[in-house]
Amino acid sequence: MSLTFLILFLKLLEAKKFLVSQPGFLKPFEFNCLLEAAALDHYEDIARKGLTTHKSSNGKDTYKDRIERHAKWGGSIFEAILYGVKRPTARDIVLAWVIDDGFESRCHRKNIFFPDHKQFAIACGPHSSTDFCVIALFGAQILPLDLEQVDPEKEAQEFKKSFLQEKDWTKFSRDVFDLQNKIRSNPKAFIPYLEKCLGRFKGKTLYSEDSKSYILT
């Protein structure tokens, strides 16, 4: 057994043990259009410029700043970003966050399973330097800036139309959203996919089943 294979095996085993340990009682995320608008802000800013950063292109604004342009929040918030070549499946996106090999703290995994996080949104699409980009925002409590705001979903949809050119990215976002809800409610059901992905790793890179796309975990 090579050292590389052993390292891959151990990190997948660690992720499997985590899933087995989860009680699976978490309620599904609620898709939040205000978080979506904040995620789209960042996507539009960095995707065309080829940037790979949590900060805005001005070098100052954080995801907290972007969220606060659209909403009031309480409790906790978190941003997860993935970049890759071509486009993986929604399942591979969730696998990457569950394995979370690039972060010793496993912050992406923890935020998927953090009970206080009830709100979620995702923005994704083509990226000029890495082919694709996925930006997800998590929140405990998200409220409109104007509490009398009548239809925030309509506003978010209009905002999204301005730059999302590929219609299937909307479905892709929904697929990632649905998969995260499934793994929150039934973590053990995701273990077979985790076990099957061992042979698709090269270092920290997870390749798709057809080897045409990949993402960093």
Protein backbone atom coordinates (compact mmCIF):
# COMPACT_ATOMS: atom_id res chain seq x y z
CA MET A 1 0.00 0.00 0.00
CA SER A 2 1.52 3.34 -1.04
CA LEU A 3 1.78 6.26 1.35
CA THR A 4 -0.46 8.35 -0.92
CA PHE A 5 -3.19 5.72 -0.89
CA LEU A 6 -2.90 5.36 2.89
CA ILE A 7 -3.29 9.13 3.38
CA LEU A 8 -6.38 9.15 1.13
CA PHE A 9 -7.84 6.16 2.94
CA LEU A 10 -7.34 7.75 6.36
CA LYS A 11 -8.93 11.07 5.43
CA LEU A 12 -11.97 9.33 3.96
CA LEU A 13 -12.17 7.12 7.04
CA GLU A 14 -12.11 10.24 9.23
CA ALA A 15 -14.97 11.74 7.21
CA LYS A 16 -16.91 8.47 7.40
CA LYS A 17 -16.51 8.33 11.20
CA PHE A 18 -17.86 11.86 11.40
CA LEU A 19 -20.95 10.97 9.36
CA VAL A 20 -21.57 7.86 11.44
CA SER A 21 -21.37 9.94 14.62
CA GLN A 22 -24.06 12.38 13.49
CA PRO A 23 -27.54 11.80 14.95
CA GLY A 24 -29.26 13.03 11.79
CA PHE A 25 -31.94 15.11 13.49
CA LEU A 26 -31.09 18.43 11.81
CA LYS A 27 -33.89 20.18 9.99
CA PRO A 28 -33.41 21.06 6.31
CA PHE A 29 -31.93 24.43 5.44
CA GLU A 30 -34.30 27.13 4.31
CA PHE A 31 -33.20 28.70 1.05
CA ASN A 32 -32.76 32.42 1.72
CA CYS A 33 -33.00 34.87 -1.17
CA LEU A 34 -31.22 37.62 0.77
CA LEU A 35 -28.20 35.39 1.30
CA GLU A 36 -28.44 34.46 -2.36
CA ALA A 37 -28.19 38.12 -3.34
CA ALA A 38 -25.06 38.48 -1.18
CA ALA A 39 -23.52 35.34 -2.70
CA LEU A 40 -24.31 36.61 -6.19
CA ASP A 41 -22.64 39.91 -5.34
CA HIS A 42 -19.39 38.09 -4.70
CA TYR A 43 -19.77 35.76 -7.66
CA GLU A 44 -20.26 38.65 -10.06
CA ASP A 45 -17.30 40.50 -8.55
CA ILE A 46 -14.70 37.72 -8.65
CA ALA A 47 -15.80 35.37 -11.45
CA ARG A 48 -15.26 37.76 -14.33
CA LYS A 49 -11.96 39.00 -12.88
CA GLY A 50 -10.63 35.51 -12.21
CA LEU A 51 -10.12 36.11 -8.48
CA THR A 52 -10.07 33.31 -5.89
CA THR A 53 -10.69 35.05 -2.59
CA HIS A 54 -13.23 35.53 0.18
CA LYS A 55 -12.60 39.27 0.07
CA SER A 56 -14.15 41.46 -2.60
CA SER A 57 -11.98 42.77 -5.42
CA ASN A 58 -11.47 46.01 -3.47
CA GLY A 59 -9.46 43.95 -0.97
CA LYS A 60 -11.60 45.07 1.95
CA ASP A 61 -15.15 43.77 1.93
CA THR A 62 -15.83 40.42 3.61
CA TYR A 63 -18.88 38.17 3.37
CA LYS A 64 -20.17 39.90 6.50
CA ASP A 65 -20.11 43.23 4.62
CA ARG A 66 -21.85 41.72 1.61
CA ILE A 67 -24.59 40.13 3.70
CA GLU A 68 -25.18 43.37 5.57
CA ARG A 69 -25.89 45.18 2.29
CA HIS A 70 -28.94 42.97 1.86
CA ALA A 71 -30.01 41.81 5.30
CA LYS A 72 -29.79 41.97 9.05
CA TRP A 73 -28.39 38.87 10.70
CA GLY A 74 -28.13 37.32 14.13
CA GLY A 75 -26.27 34.38 15.61
CA SER A 76 -23.67 33.26 13.10
CA ILE A 77 -22.85 33.43 9.39
CA PHE A 78 -20.33 31.56 7.22
CA GLU A 79 -19.14 31.53 3.61
CA ALA A 80 -17.84 28.49 1.70
CA ILE A 81 -16.24 28.74 -1.74
CA LEU A 82 -15.08 26.04 -4.18
CA TYR A 83 -13.24 26.43 -7.46
CA GLY A 84 -12.48 23.81 -10.08
CA VAL A 85 -11.92 22.82 -13.68
CA LYS A 86 -14.98 22.26 -15.85
CA ARG A 87 -17.96 21.39 -13.66
CA PRO A 88 -18.35 18.52 -11.18
CA THR A 89 -21.63 17.07 -10.00
CA ALA A 90 -23.55 18.58 -7.12
CA ARG A 91 -22.69 15.43 -5.14
CA ASP A 92 -18.96 16.07 -5.61
CA ILE A 93 -19.39 19.61 -4.31
CA VAL A 94 -20.97 18.28 -1.11
CA LEU A 95 -18.35 15.51 -0.87
CA ALA A 96 -15.58 18.11 -1.03
CA TRP A 97 -17.13 20.07 1.82
CA VAL A 98 -17.69 16.94 3.91
CA ILE A 99 -14.11 15.66 3.43
CA ASP A 100 -12.80 19.22 3.84
CA ASP A 101 -9.18 18.12 3.53
CA GLY A 102 -7.80 21.62 2.96
CA PHE A 103 -8.74 22.81 6.45
CA GLU A 104 -7.58 21.13 9.65
CA SER A 105 -10.54 22.64 11.51
CA ARG A 106 -12.98 21.09 8.98
CA CYS A 107 -14.82 24.42 9.01
CA HIS A 108 -16.87 23.72 5.88
CA ARG A 109 -18.09 20.37 7.18
CA LYS A 110 -18.88 21.82 10.60
CA ASN A 111 -20.98 24.59 9.12
CA ILE A 112 -23.09 22.16 7.09
CA PHE A 113 -23.90 20.33 10.33
CA PHE A 114 -24.01 23.34 12.66
CA PRO A 115 -27.50 23.18 14.25
CA ASP A 116 -27.82 26.97 14.53
CA HIS A 117 -27.50 27.42 10.79
CA LYS A 118 -31.00 27.37 9.40
CA GLN A 119 -30.63 29.64 6.35
CA PHE A 120 -28.64 28.83 3.22
CA ALA A 121 -28.05 30.09 -0.31
CA ILE A 122 -25.69 29.34 -3.14
CA ALA A 123 -24.46 31.14 -6.25
CA CYS A 124 -22.42 29.40 -8.91
CA GLY A 125 -21.36 29.66 -12.51
CA PRO A 126 -18.42 30.02 -14.90
CA HIS A 127 -15.18 31.52 -13.62
CA SER A 128 -12.62 33.14 -15.90
CA SER A 129 -9.53 31.47 -14.39
CA THR A 130 -10.79 28.24 -12.81
CA ASP A 131 -13.70 27.31 -15.11
CA PHE A 132 -16.30 27.28 -12.33
CA CYS A 133 -16.96 28.79 -8.93
CA VAL A 134 -19.42 27.86 -6.17
CA ILE A 135 -20.18 30.32 -3.36
CA ALA A 136 -22.39 29.26 -0.44
CA LEU A 137 -23.60 31.31 2.50
CA PHE A 138 -24.93 29.93 5.79
CA GLY A 139 -26.77 31.88 8.48
CA ALA A 140 -28.61 31.41 11.75
CA GLN A 141 -31.09 34.26 11.46
CA ILE A 142 -31.46 36.43 8.36
CA LEU A 143 -33.96 39.29 8.19
CA PRO A 144 -34.71 41.93 5.53
CA LEU A 145 -33.20 45.37 6.03
CA ASP A 146 -36.72 46.69 5.67
CA LEU A 147 -38.95 44.42 7.71
CA GLU A 148 -41.93 45.55 5.65
CA GLN A 149 -40.23 44.41 2.46
CA VAL A 150 -42.98 42.66 0.50
CA ASP A 151 -41.28 40.39 -2.00
CA PRO A 152 -37.53 39.86 -1.46
CA GLU A 153 -37.57 36.74 -3.65
CA LYS A 154 -38.68 38.75 -6.67
CA GLU A 155 -35.89 41.25 -6.05
CA ALA A 156 -33.31 38.48 -5.80
CA GLN A 157 -34.54 36.88 -9.05
CA GLU A 158 -34.23 40.15 -10.92
CA PHE A 159 -30.74 40.63 -9.50
CA LYS A 160 -29.71 37.16 -10.64
CA LYS A 161 -30.91 37.61 -14.23
CA SER A 162 -28.41 40.39 -14.83
CA PHE A 163 -25.39 38.10 -15.13
CA LEU A 164 -26.19 34.40 -14.81
CA GLN A 165 -26.13 33.40 -18.46
CA GLU A 166 -26.36 29.63 -18.25
CA LYS A 167 -29.84 28.54 -17.21
CA ASP A 168 -28.71 25.14 -15.87
CA TRP A 169 -26.62 26.76 -13.14
CA THR A 170 -29.85 27.50 -11.30
CA LYS A 171 -30.71 23.79 -11.27
CA PHE A 172 -27.15 22.96 -10.20
CA SER A 173 -27.49 25.31 -7.22
CA ARG A 174 -30.74 23.64 -6.26
CA ASP A 175 -29.15 20.18 -6.53
CA VAL A 176 -26.37 21.20 -4.11
CA PHE A 177 -28.97 22.69 -1.76
CA ASP A 178 -31.08 19.50 -1.83
CA LEU A 179 -28.07 17.23 -1.25
CA GLN A 180 -26.92 19.24 1.76
CA ASN A 181 -30.39 18.90 3.25
CA LYS A 182 -30.32 15.14 2.69
CA ILE A 183 -26.97 14.77 4.40
CA ARG A 184 -28.10 16.93 7.34
CA SER A 185 -31.15 14.74 7.92
CA ASN A 186 -29.50 11.39 7.13
CA PRO A 187 -25.67 11.60 7.26
CA LYS A 188 -25.13 7.84 7.04
CA ALA A 189 -26.87 7.66 3.65
CA PHE A 190 -23.95 9.59 2.16
CA ILE A 191 -21.32 7.06 3.28
CA PRO A 192 -21.53 4.84 0.13
CA TYR A 193 -20.69 7.85 -2.07
CA LEU A 194 -17.81 8.71 0.26
CA GLU A 195 -16.40 5.19 0.03
CA LYS A 196 -16.66 5.07 -3.76
CA CYS A 197 -14.74 8.32 -4.28
CA LEU A 198 -11.42 6.95 -2.94
CA GLY A 199 -10.13 6.06 -6.37
CA ARG A 200 -10.98 9.49 -7.77
CA PHE A 201 -8.47 11.36 -5.60
CA LYS A 202 -5.04 12.60 -6.61
CA GLY A 203 -3.57 14.34 -3.57
CA LYS A 204 -6.19 16.82 -2.39
CA THR A 205 -7.89 16.91 -5.79
CA LEU A 206 -11.20 15.08 -6.29
CA TYR A 207 -11.83 14.15 -9.93
CA SER A 208 -15.26 13.53 -11.38
CA GLU A 209 -16.30 10.01 -12.35
CA ASP A 210 -15.48 10.72 -16.00
CA SER A 211 -12.19 12.46 -15.00
CA LYS A 212 -13.15 15.55 -17.02
CA SER A 213 -13.53 17.90 -14.08
CA TYR A 214 -12.03 18.27 -10.62
CA ILE A 215 -12.19 20.29 -7.42
CA LEU A 216 -9.84 20.83 -4.49
CA THR A 217 -11.04 19.47 -1.16
